[in-house]
Amino acid sequence: MWILLSILLLGGGAVALVIMLNAKREEQDKYYAAARNILKDSLLRKTLENPIKSRVDQNGVGGQKLMVYIKSIGIKPQKRYVFDPEREIPFGRQKDENGVFLNEATVSQRHCRIFLYERNVWLEDLGSSNGTELKSGMFKNYLLTGGQQTVLRSGDVLIIGSTQLKIKLFVFDTTYM
């Protein structure tokens, strides 16, 4: 009897693991599709701006592109964003000026930004009133204020006001575009 119960419990755990892995894979497929669309739009925009130069650039296409996936924590419905860090990602309370709009009294109009510099993804507080908090790893918490900057890592949690955003850095292979 105990053996049968153990097999049933282990089987149920395996089913739960498969369901969890499938959900994680579906989420990954979605942010990769979003990255593909962002990069296609960027390539189209470059082609329209300068058709001759973009044709030369396309000959060298095929490489890896660092992208940022941001997912809200503890908010229903969950918010998700995919960004190219080469294009600054501003966060704040001013709807038209920010890539991520946060409608909270404790969030400044232009609160902070994420950007790419020397192949690292950076977080910078833009002189916000209440600072920008970053949880990096299990034991490191930072409060950035007055223009302070730090390098972001995959798995970091960005806290702006009461909003928590989990950061995932991923590499998109542009040869599959």
N, C-alpha and C. Protein backbone atom coordinates (compact mmCIF):
# COMPACT_ATOMS: atom_id res chain seq x y z
N MET A 1 0.82 -1.20 0.00
CA MET A 1 0.00 0.00 0.00
C MET A 1 0.87 1.27 0.00
N TRP A 2 1.90 1.27 0.86
CA TRP A 2 2.78 2.45 0.93
C TRP A 2 3.51 2.65 -0.39
N ILE A 3 3.88 1.54 -1.02
CA ILE A 3 4.58 1.64 -2.29
C ILE A 3 3.66 2.25 -3.35
N LEU A 4 2.40 1.81 -3.38
CA LEU A 4 1.43 2.36 -4.33
C LEU A 4 1.19 3.84 -4.07
N LEU A 5 1.04 4.22 -2.80
CA LEU A 5 0.83 5.63 -2.43
C LEU A 5 2.05 6.46 -2.82
N SER A 6 3.26 5.92 -2.60
CA SER A 6 4.48 6.65 -2.98
C SER A 6 4.56 6.86 -4.49
N ILE A 7 4.21 5.81 -5.23
CA ILE A 7 4.23 5.93 -6.70
C ILE A 7 3.24 6.98 -7.16
N LEU A 8 2.04 6.99 -6.57
CA LEU A 8 1.02 7.99 -6.94
C LEU A 8 1.49 9.40 -6.62
N LEU A 9 2.08 9.58 -5.44
CA LEU A 9 2.57 10.91 -5.05
C LEU A 9 3.70 11.37 -5.95
N LEU A 10 4.64 10.47 -6.25
CA LEU A 10 5.74 10.83 -7.15
C LEU A 10 5.23 11.11 -8.54
N GLY A 11 4.27 10.35 -9.01
CA GLY A 11 3.67 10.58 -10.32
C GLY A 11 3.00 11.93 -10.39
N GLY A 12 2.28 12.30 -9.33
CA GLY A 12 1.62 13.62 -9.26
C GLY A 12 2.64 14.74 -9.28
N GLY A 13 3.76 14.52 -8.58
CA GLY A 13 4.83 15.53 -8.59
C GLY A 13 5.44 15.68 -9.96
N ALA A 14 5.59 14.57 -10.66
CA ALA A 14 6.15 14.61 -12.01
C ALA A 14 5.21 15.36 -12.95
N VAL A 15 3.91 15.12 -12.81
CA VAL A 15 2.92 15.83 -13.64
C VAL A 15 2.98 17.32 -13.35
N ALA A 16 3.07 17.69 -12.08
CA ALA A 16 3.16 19.11 -11.71
C ALA A 16 4.42 19.73 -12.28
N LEU A 17 5.53 18.99 -12.26
CA LEU A 17 6.79 19.49 -12.80
C LEU A 17 6.68 19.72 -14.31
N VAL A 18 6.06 18.77 -15.01
CA VAL A 18 5.88 18.92 -16.46
C VAL A 18 5.01 20.13 -16.77
N ILE A 19 3.93 20.31 -16.01
CA ILE A 19 3.05 21.47 -16.22
C ILE A 19 3.82 22.76 -15.98
N MET A 20 4.63 22.81 -14.91
CA MET A 20 5.41 24.01 -14.60
C MET A 20 6.43 24.29 -15.71
N LEU A 21 7.12 23.25 -16.17
CA LEU A 21 8.11 23.44 -17.23
C LEU A 21 7.46 23.90 -18.53
N ASN A 22 6.28 23.37 -18.85
CA ASN A 22 5.56 23.81 -20.04
C ASN A 22 5.15 25.27 -19.94
N ALA A 23 4.69 25.70 -18.77
CA ALA A 23 4.30 27.10 -18.57
C ALA A 23 5.51 28.01 -18.72
N LYS A 24 6.65 27.59 -18.17
CA LYS A 24 7.88 28.38 -18.29
C LYS A 24 8.32 28.48 -19.75
N ARG A 25 8.19 27.37 -20.49
CA ARG A 25 8.56 27.36 -21.91
C ARG A 25 7.63 28.26 -22.73
N GLU A 26 6.32 28.23 -22.41
CA GLU A 26 5.37 29.10 -23.11
C GLU A 26 5.68 30.57 -22.85
N GLU A 27 6.04 30.91 -21.60
CA GLU A 27 6.41 32.29 -21.28
C GLU A 27 7.66 32.69 -22.06
N GLN A 28 8.65 31.81 -22.12
CA GLN A 28 9.87 32.10 -22.85
C GLN A 28 9.57 32.28 -24.34
N ASP A 29 8.72 31.43 -24.90
CA ASP A 29 8.34 31.58 -26.31
C ASP A 29 7.72 32.94 -26.57
N LYS A 30 6.92 33.43 -25.63
CA LYS A 30 6.26 34.73 -25.80
C LYS A 30 7.27 35.88 -25.79
N TYR A 31 8.21 35.86 -24.85
CA TYR A 31 9.14 37.00 -24.84
C TYR A 31 10.16 36.91 -25.97
N TYR A 32 10.47 35.72 -26.46
CA TYR A 32 11.30 35.62 -27.65
C TYR A 32 10.56 36.14 -28.88
N ALA A 33 9.28 35.84 -29.00
CA ALA A 33 8.48 36.36 -30.12
C ALA A 33 8.41 37.89 -30.06
N ALA A 34 8.25 38.43 -28.86
CA ALA A 34 8.23 39.88 -28.70
C ALA A 34 9.57 40.49 -29.10
N ALA A 35 10.66 39.85 -28.71
CA ALA A 35 12.00 40.34 -29.09
C ALA A 35 12.16 40.32 -30.60
N ARG A 36 11.72 39.25 -31.24
CA ARG A 36 11.80 39.15 -32.70
C ARG A 36 11.06 40.31 -33.35
N ASN A 37 9.85 40.61 -32.86
CA ASN A 37 9.06 41.72 -33.42
C ASN A 37 9.74 43.07 -33.21
N ILE A 38 10.30 43.28 -32.03
CA ILE A 38 11.01 44.54 -31.75
C ILE A 38 12.18 44.71 -32.70
N LEU A 39 12.96 43.66 -32.88
CA LEU A 39 14.14 43.74 -33.73
C LEU A 39 13.77 43.87 -35.20
N LYS A 40 12.69 43.23 -35.64
CA LYS A 40 12.23 43.39 -37.02
C LYS A 40 11.79 44.83 -37.26
N ASP A 41 11.05 45.41 -36.30
CA ASP A 41 10.62 46.81 -36.43
C ASP A 41 11.82 47.74 -36.49
N SER A 42 12.81 47.47 -35.67
CA SER A 42 14.02 48.29 -35.66
C SER A 42 14.75 48.20 -37.00
N LEU A 43 14.86 46.99 -37.55
CA LEU A 43 15.50 46.80 -38.84
C LEU A 43 14.72 47.51 -39.95
N LEU A 44 13.40 47.42 -39.90
CA LEU A 44 12.57 48.11 -40.88
C LEU A 44 12.75 49.62 -40.80
N ARG A 45 12.77 50.15 -39.57
CA ARG A 45 12.95 51.59 -39.37
C ARG A 45 14.31 52.04 -39.92
N LYS A 46 15.36 51.27 -39.66
CA LYS A 46 16.69 51.61 -40.18
C LYS A 46 16.70 51.57 -41.70
N THR A 47 16.02 50.58 -42.28
CA THR A 47 15.96 50.47 -43.74
C THR A 47 15.25 51.66 -44.35
N LEU A 48 14.17 52.10 -43.74
CA LEU A 48 13.42 53.25 -44.25
C LEU A 48 14.23 54.54 -44.12
N GLU A 49 15.01 54.66 -43.04
CA GLU A 49 15.81 55.86 -42.82
C GLU A 49 17.00 55.92 -43.78
N ASN A 50 17.63 54.80 -44.04
CA ASN A 50 18.81 54.78 -44.88
C ASN A 50 18.92 53.42 -45.59
N PRO A 51 18.22 53.25 -46.73
CA PRO A 51 18.17 51.95 -47.41
C PRO A 51 19.53 51.39 -47.81
N ILE A 52 20.45 52.25 -48.23
CA ILE A 52 21.75 51.76 -48.70
C ILE A 52 22.58 51.25 -47.53
N LYS A 53 22.66 52.03 -46.45
CA LYS A 53 23.44 51.60 -45.29
C LYS A 53 22.85 50.35 -44.66
N SER A 54 21.52 50.26 -44.56
CA SER A 54 20.92 49.09 -43.92
C SER A 54 21.15 47.83 -44.75
N ARG A 55 21.22 47.96 -46.08
CA ARG A 55 21.51 46.81 -46.93
C ARG A 55 22.92 46.29 -46.62
N VAL A 56 23.85 47.22 -46.42
CA VAL A 56 25.22 46.83 -46.06
C VAL A 56 25.20 46.16 -44.68
N ASP A 57 24.45 46.73 -43.72
CA ASP A 57 24.38 46.17 -42.38
C ASP A 57 23.77 44.78 -42.39
N GLN A 58 22.78 44.54 -43.25
CA GLN A 58 22.10 43.24 -43.28
C GLN A 58 23.04 42.13 -43.73
N ASN A 59 24.04 42.48 -44.51
CA ASN A 59 24.99 41.45 -44.93
C ASN A 59 25.73 40.88 -43.73
N GLY A 60 25.87 41.68 -42.69
CA GLY A 60 26.54 41.21 -41.49
C GLY A 60 25.59 40.71 -40.43
N VAL A 61 24.28 40.62 -40.74
CA VAL A 61 23.31 40.16 -39.77
C VAL A 61 23.63 38.74 -39.38
N GLY A 62 23.38 38.42 -38.19
CA GLY A 62 23.68 37.09 -37.68
C GLY A 62 24.53 37.26 -36.46
N GLY A 63 23.93 37.26 -35.38
CA GLY A 63 24.66 37.44 -34.15
C GLY A 63 23.70 37.38 -33.00
N GLN A 64 24.17 37.83 -31.90
CA GLN A 64 23.36 37.77 -30.70
C GLN A 64 23.05 39.16 -30.20
N LYS A 65 21.85 39.33 -29.76
CA LYS A 65 21.36 40.63 -29.31
C LYS A 65 20.86 40.49 -27.88
N LEU A 66 21.41 41.28 -26.98
CA LEU A 66 20.99 41.27 -25.59
C LEU A 66 19.65 41.98 -25.47
N MET A 67 18.69 41.36 -24.80
CA MET A 67 17.35 41.91 -24.62
C MET A 67 16.99 41.84 -23.14
N VAL A 68 15.95 42.62 -22.76
CA VAL A 68 15.50 42.67 -21.37
C VAL A 68 14.03 42.27 -21.32
N TYR A 69 13.71 41.33 -20.44
CA TYR A 69 12.33 40.91 -20.17
C TYR A 69 12.02 41.31 -18.74
N ILE A 70 10.92 42.04 -18.56
CA ILE A 70 10.54 42.53 -17.24
C ILE A 70 9.14 42.01 -16.94
N LYS A 71 8.98 41.44 -15.74
CA LYS A 71 7.69 40.87 -15.35
C LYS A 71 7.33 41.38 -13.96
N SER A 72 6.10 41.89 -13.81
CA SER A 72 5.67 42.37 -12.50
C SER A 72 5.47 41.19 -11.56
N ILE A 73 5.66 41.45 -10.28
CA ILE A 73 5.50 40.44 -9.24
C ILE A 73 4.36 40.89 -8.33
N GLY A 74 3.41 40.01 -8.08
CA GLY A 74 2.35 40.29 -7.12
C GLY A 74 1.27 41.22 -7.61
N ILE A 75 1.19 41.48 -8.88
CA ILE A 75 0.15 42.35 -9.44
C ILE A 75 -0.73 41.50 -10.35
N LYS A 76 -2.02 41.63 -10.20
CA LYS A 76 -2.95 40.94 -11.10
C LYS A 76 -3.71 41.99 -11.88
N PRO A 77 -3.80 41.92 -13.19
CA PRO A 77 -3.09 40.97 -14.03
C PRO A 77 -1.61 41.32 -14.10
N GLN A 78 -0.83 40.30 -14.31
CA GLN A 78 0.62 40.47 -14.37
C GLN A 78 1.01 41.28 -15.62
N LYS A 79 1.91 42.22 -15.44
CA LYS A 79 2.42 43.03 -16.55
C LYS A 79 3.74 42.44 -17.02
N ARG A 80 3.94 42.44 -18.35
CA ARG A 80 5.17 41.91 -18.94
C ARG A 80 5.65 42.86 -20.02
N TYR A 81 6.96 43.07 -20.09
CA TYR A 81 7.55 43.97 -21.07
C TYR A 81 8.81 43.32 -21.64
N VAL A 82 9.05 43.57 -22.91
CA VAL A 82 10.31 43.16 -23.55
C VAL A 82 10.90 44.40 -24.19
N PHE A 83 12.19 44.62 -23.94
CA PHE A 83 12.85 45.82 -24.45
C PHE A 83 14.21 45.50 -25.03
N ASP A 84 14.61 46.34 -25.97
CA ASP A 84 15.98 46.36 -26.48
C ASP A 84 16.71 47.41 -25.63
N PRO A 85 17.69 47.02 -24.82
CA PRO A 85 18.33 47.99 -23.94
C PRO A 85 19.18 49.05 -24.66
N GLU A 86 19.42 48.83 -25.97
CA GLU A 86 20.13 49.88 -26.72
C GLU A 86 19.26 51.13 -26.81
N ARG A 87 17.97 50.95 -26.72
CA ARG A 87 17.03 52.07 -26.67
C ARG A 87 16.64 52.23 -25.20
N GLU A 88 16.95 53.36 -24.62
CA GLU A 88 16.69 53.60 -23.20
C GLU A 88 15.27 53.19 -22.81
N ILE A 89 15.14 52.57 -21.64
CA ILE A 89 13.85 52.16 -21.11
C ILE A 89 13.57 53.02 -19.88
N PRO A 90 12.79 54.10 -20.03
CA PRO A 90 12.48 54.93 -18.87
C PRO A 90 11.25 54.41 -18.11
N PHE A 91 11.26 54.59 -16.80
CA PHE A 91 10.16 54.22 -15.91
C PHE A 91 9.69 55.47 -15.20
N GLY A 92 8.39 55.63 -15.03
CA GLY A 92 7.91 56.77 -14.27
C GLY A 92 6.42 56.97 -14.37
N ARG A 93 5.98 58.07 -13.76
CA ARG A 93 4.56 58.38 -13.63
C ARG A 93 4.02 59.19 -14.81
N GLN A 94 4.88 59.72 -15.65
CA GLN A 94 4.44 60.49 -16.81
C GLN A 94 4.19 59.51 -17.96
N LYS A 95 2.91 59.36 -18.32
CA LYS A 95 2.49 58.30 -19.24
C LYS A 95 3.15 58.39 -20.61
N ASP A 96 3.21 59.56 -21.20
CA ASP A 96 3.72 59.70 -22.57
C ASP A 96 5.25 59.64 -22.66
N GLU A 97 5.94 59.81 -21.56
CA GLU A 97 7.40 59.91 -21.59
C GLU A 97 8.13 58.63 -21.18
N ASN A 98 7.40 57.61 -20.76
CA ASN A 98 8.04 56.44 -20.18
C ASN A 98 7.65 55.15 -20.89
N GLY A 99 8.62 54.25 -21.01
CA GLY A 99 8.34 52.93 -21.57
C GLY A 99 7.51 52.09 -20.62
N VAL A 100 7.73 52.28 -19.31
CA VAL A 100 6.94 51.61 -18.29
C VAL A 100 6.30 52.70 -17.44
N PHE A 101 4.97 52.77 -17.54
CA PHE A 101 4.17 53.78 -16.83
C PHE A 101 3.72 53.19 -15.50
N LEU A 102 4.03 53.90 -14.40
CA LEU A 102 3.65 53.46 -13.05
C LEU A 102 2.86 54.59 -12.39
N ASN A 103 1.57 54.40 -12.27
CA ASN A 103 0.68 55.44 -11.75
C ASN A 103 0.57 55.34 -10.24
N GLU A 104 1.60 55.83 -9.55
CA GLU A 104 1.65 55.85 -8.09
C GLU A 104 2.18 57.20 -7.63
N ALA A 105 1.67 57.67 -6.51
CA ALA A 105 2.11 58.96 -5.97
C ALA A 105 3.58 58.94 -5.55
N THR A 106 4.12 57.77 -5.16
CA THR A 106 5.51 57.68 -4.71
C THR A 106 6.50 57.53 -5.86
N VAL A 107 5.99 57.46 -7.09
CA VAL A 107 6.84 57.34 -8.28
C VAL A 107 6.99 58.71 -8.92
N SER A 108 8.21 59.08 -9.24
CA SER A 108 8.46 60.38 -9.88
C SER A 108 8.05 60.35 -11.35
N GLN A 109 7.90 61.54 -11.93
CA GLN A 109 7.50 61.65 -13.34
C GLN A 109 8.44 60.84 -14.23
N ARG A 110 9.75 61.08 -14.07
CA ARG A 110 10.78 60.25 -14.73
C ARG A 110 11.62 59.70 -13.59
N HIS A 111 11.36 58.47 -13.23
CA HIS A 111 11.90 57.90 -12.01
C HIS A 111 13.30 57.28 -12.20
N CYS A 112 13.40 56.36 -13.16
CA CYS A 112 14.67 55.68 -13.40
C CYS A 112 14.69 55.21 -14.85
N ARG A 113 15.81 54.64 -15.26
CA ARG A 113 15.90 54.12 -16.62
C ARG A 113 16.83 52.92 -16.64
N ILE A 114 16.63 52.08 -17.66
CA ILE A 114 17.52 50.96 -17.95
C ILE A 114 18.12 51.23 -19.31
N PHE A 115 19.42 51.00 -19.43
CA PHE A 115 20.09 51.28 -20.71
C PHE A 115 21.31 50.37 -20.86
N LEU A 116 21.79 50.27 -22.08
CA LEU A 116 22.95 49.46 -22.40
C LEU A 116 24.17 50.37 -22.52
N TYR A 117 25.26 49.99 -21.86
CA TYR A 117 26.52 50.73 -21.96
C TYR A 117 27.65 49.73 -21.82
N GLU A 118 28.54 49.72 -22.81
CA GLU A 118 29.70 48.83 -22.83
C GLU A 118 29.30 47.38 -22.54
N ARG A 119 28.30 46.90 -23.25
CA ARG A 119 27.81 45.53 -23.20
C ARG A 119 27.26 45.10 -21.85
N ASN A 120 26.95 46.04 -20.98
CA ASN A 120 26.27 45.75 -19.72
C ASN A 120 24.94 46.50 -19.70
N VAL A 121 23.97 45.92 -19.04
CA VAL A 121 22.68 46.58 -18.85
C VAL A 121 22.72 47.28 -17.50
N TRP A 122 22.43 48.58 -17.52
CA TRP A 122 22.55 49.42 -16.34
C TRP A 122 21.18 49.92 -15.88
N LEU A 123 21.07 50.18 -14.58
CA LEU A 123 19.92 50.85 -13.97
C LEU A 123 20.42 52.17 -13.41
N GLU A 124 19.70 53.25 -13.72
CA GLU A 124 20.06 54.57 -13.20
C GLU A 124 18.84 55.23 -12.59
N ASP A 125 18.98 55.71 -11.36
CA ASP A 125 17.94 56.54 -10.76
C ASP A 125 18.06 57.93 -11.38
N LEU A 126 16.94 58.52 -11.75
CA LEU A 126 16.97 59.82 -12.42
C LEU A 126 16.65 60.97 -11.46
N GLY A 127 17.18 60.87 -10.24
CA GLY A 127 16.93 61.91 -9.25
C GLY A 127 15.52 61.83 -8.70
N SER A 128 14.98 60.64 -8.61
CA SER A 128 13.61 60.46 -8.12
C SER A 128 13.49 60.89 -6.66
N SER A 129 12.29 61.24 -6.26
CA SER A 129 12.04 61.69 -4.89
C SER A 129 12.29 60.61 -3.85
N ASN A 130 11.94 59.37 -4.16
CA ASN A 130 12.02 58.28 -3.17
C ASN A 130 13.08 57.24 -3.48
N GLY A 131 13.86 57.46 -4.52
CA GLY A 131 14.91 56.51 -4.86
C GLY A 131 14.37 55.29 -5.59
N THR A 132 15.29 54.49 -6.08
CA THR A 132 14.98 53.27 -6.81
C THR A 132 15.66 52.12 -6.09
N GLU A 133 14.87 51.15 -5.66
CA GLU A 133 15.42 50.02 -4.91
C GLU A 133 15.70 48.86 -5.84
N LEU A 134 16.78 48.15 -5.57
CA LEU A 134 17.15 46.97 -6.35
C LEU A 134 17.54 45.86 -5.40
N LYS A 135 16.90 44.70 -5.57
CA LYS A 135 17.28 43.50 -4.83
C LYS A 135 18.06 42.63 -5.80
N SER A 136 19.32 42.39 -5.46
CA SER A 136 20.20 41.61 -6.31
C SER A 136 20.68 40.40 -5.53
N GLY A 137 20.31 39.22 -5.94
CA GLY A 137 20.66 38.02 -5.19
C GLY A 137 19.82 37.94 -3.93
N MET A 138 20.26 37.09 -3.02
CA MET A 138 19.46 36.87 -1.81
C MET A 138 19.69 37.94 -0.74
N PHE A 139 20.87 38.52 -0.70
CA PHE A 139 21.21 39.36 0.44
C PHE A 139 21.60 40.79 0.11
N LYS A 140 21.58 41.16 -1.18
CA LYS A 140 22.03 42.50 -1.53
C LYS A 140 20.85 43.37 -1.92
N ASN A 141 20.63 44.43 -1.15
CA ASN A 141 19.62 45.43 -1.48
C ASN A 141 20.32 46.77 -1.65
N TYR A 142 19.94 47.47 -2.71
CA TYR A 142 20.53 48.76 -3.00
C TYR A 142 19.42 49.79 -3.09
N LEU A 143 19.68 50.99 -2.63
CA LEU A 143 18.78 52.11 -2.85
C LEU A 143 19.57 53.14 -3.66
N LEU A 144 19.18 53.29 -4.92
CA LEU A 144 19.84 54.26 -5.79
C LEU A 144 19.12 55.58 -5.68
N THR A 145 19.86 56.66 -5.57
CA THR A 145 19.30 58.00 -5.51
C THR A 145 20.16 58.95 -6.33
N GLY A 146 19.59 60.09 -6.69
CA GLY A 146 20.36 61.19 -7.29
C GLY A 146 21.28 60.84 -8.43
N GLY A 147 20.84 60.00 -9.36
CA GLY A 147 21.66 59.69 -10.52
C GLY A 147 22.59 58.51 -10.35
N GLN A 148 22.52 57.82 -9.22
CA GLN A 148 23.39 56.65 -9.03
C GLN A 148 23.01 55.56 -10.03
N GLN A 149 24.02 54.75 -10.39
CA GLN A 149 23.85 53.69 -11.37
C GLN A 149 24.43 52.39 -10.84
N THR A 150 23.90 51.29 -11.37
CA THR A 150 24.46 49.97 -11.07
C THR A 150 24.16 49.04 -12.24
N VAL A 151 24.98 48.01 -12.39
CA VAL A 151 24.78 47.02 -13.43
C VAL A 151 23.65 46.08 -13.00
N LEU A 152 22.75 45.77 -13.94
CA LEU A 152 21.66 44.83 -13.67
C LEU A 152 22.10 43.41 -14.02
N ARG A 153 21.59 42.47 -13.30
CA ARG A 153 21.82 41.05 -13.54
C ARG A 153 20.47 40.36 -13.72
N SER A 154 20.47 39.30 -14.47
CA SER A 154 19.26 38.50 -14.63
C SER A 154 18.85 37.98 -13.25
N GLY A 155 17.58 38.11 -12.92
CA GLY A 155 17.07 37.68 -11.61
C GLY A 155 16.93 38.81 -10.62
N ASP A 156 17.49 39.99 -10.90
CA ASP A 156 17.33 41.13 -10.01
C ASP A 156 15.87 41.54 -9.95
N VAL A 157 15.48 42.13 -8.82
CA VAL A 157 14.12 42.65 -8.66
C VAL A 157 14.22 44.15 -8.46
N LEU A 158 13.57 44.88 -9.34
CA LEU A 158 13.53 46.34 -9.31
C LEU A 158 12.27 46.76 -8.57
N ILE A 159 12.42 47.65 -7.58
CA ILE A 159 11.26 48.11 -6.81
C ILE A 159 11.14 49.62 -7.00
N ILE A 160 10.02 50.02 -7.60
CA ILE A 160 9.72 51.43 -7.84
C ILE A 160 8.38 51.70 -7.19
N GLY A 161 8.38 52.54 -6.15
CA GLY A 161 7.14 52.71 -5.38
C GLY A 161 6.79 51.38 -4.74
N SER A 162 5.56 50.91 -4.96
CA SER A 162 5.16 49.60 -4.43
C SER A 162 5.21 48.51 -5.50
N THR A 163 5.67 48.86 -6.70
CA THR A 163 5.72 47.92 -7.81
C THR A 163 7.04 47.16 -7.82
N GLN A 164 6.96 45.84 -7.88
CA GLN A 164 8.14 44.99 -7.97
C GLN A 164 8.20 44.39 -9.36
N LEU A 165 9.36 44.50 -9.99
CA LEU A 165 9.55 44.02 -11.36
C LEU A 165 10.77 43.11 -11.41
N LYS A 166 10.57 41.88 -11.85
CA LYS A 166 11.68 40.92 -11.98
C LYS A 166 12.33 41.11 -13.34
N ILE A 167 13.64 41.18 -13.35
CA ILE A 167 14.42 41.42 -14.55
C ILE A 167 15.00 40.10 -15.05
N LYS A 168 14.86 39.87 -16.34
CA LYS A 168 15.52 38.73 -16.98
C LYS A 168 16.24 39.26 -18.21
N LEU A 169 17.54 39.05 -18.25
CA LEU A 169 18.33 39.39 -19.42
C LEU A 169 18.45 38.12 -20.25
N PHE A 170 18.23 38.25 -21.55
CA PHE A 170 18.36 37.08 -22.40
C PHE A 170 18.98 37.49 -23.72
N VAL A 171 19.55 36.51 -24.39
CA VAL A 171 20.21 36.74 -25.67
C VAL A 171 19.31 36.20 -26.77
N PHE A 172 19.03 37.05 -27.75
CA PHE A 172 18.22 36.65 -28.90
C PHE A 172 19.15 36.45 -30.08
N ASP A 173 19.07 35.31 -30.72
CA ASP A 173 19.92 34.99 -31.85
C ASP A 173 19.26 35.57 -33.12
N THR A 174 19.85 36.60 -33.68
CA THR A 174 19.26 37.30 -34.82
C THR A 174 19.36 36.51 -36.13
N THR A 175 20.09 35.41 -36.14
CA THR A 175 20.16 34.62 -37.38
C THR A 175 18.84 33.94 -37.67
N TYR A 176 17.96 33.85 -36.70
CA TYR A 176 16.66 33.20 -36.89
C TYR A 176 15.56 34.19 -37.28
N MET A 177 15.92 35.40 -37.62
CA MET A 177 14.92 36.41 -37.97
C MET A 177 14.52 36.29 -39.41
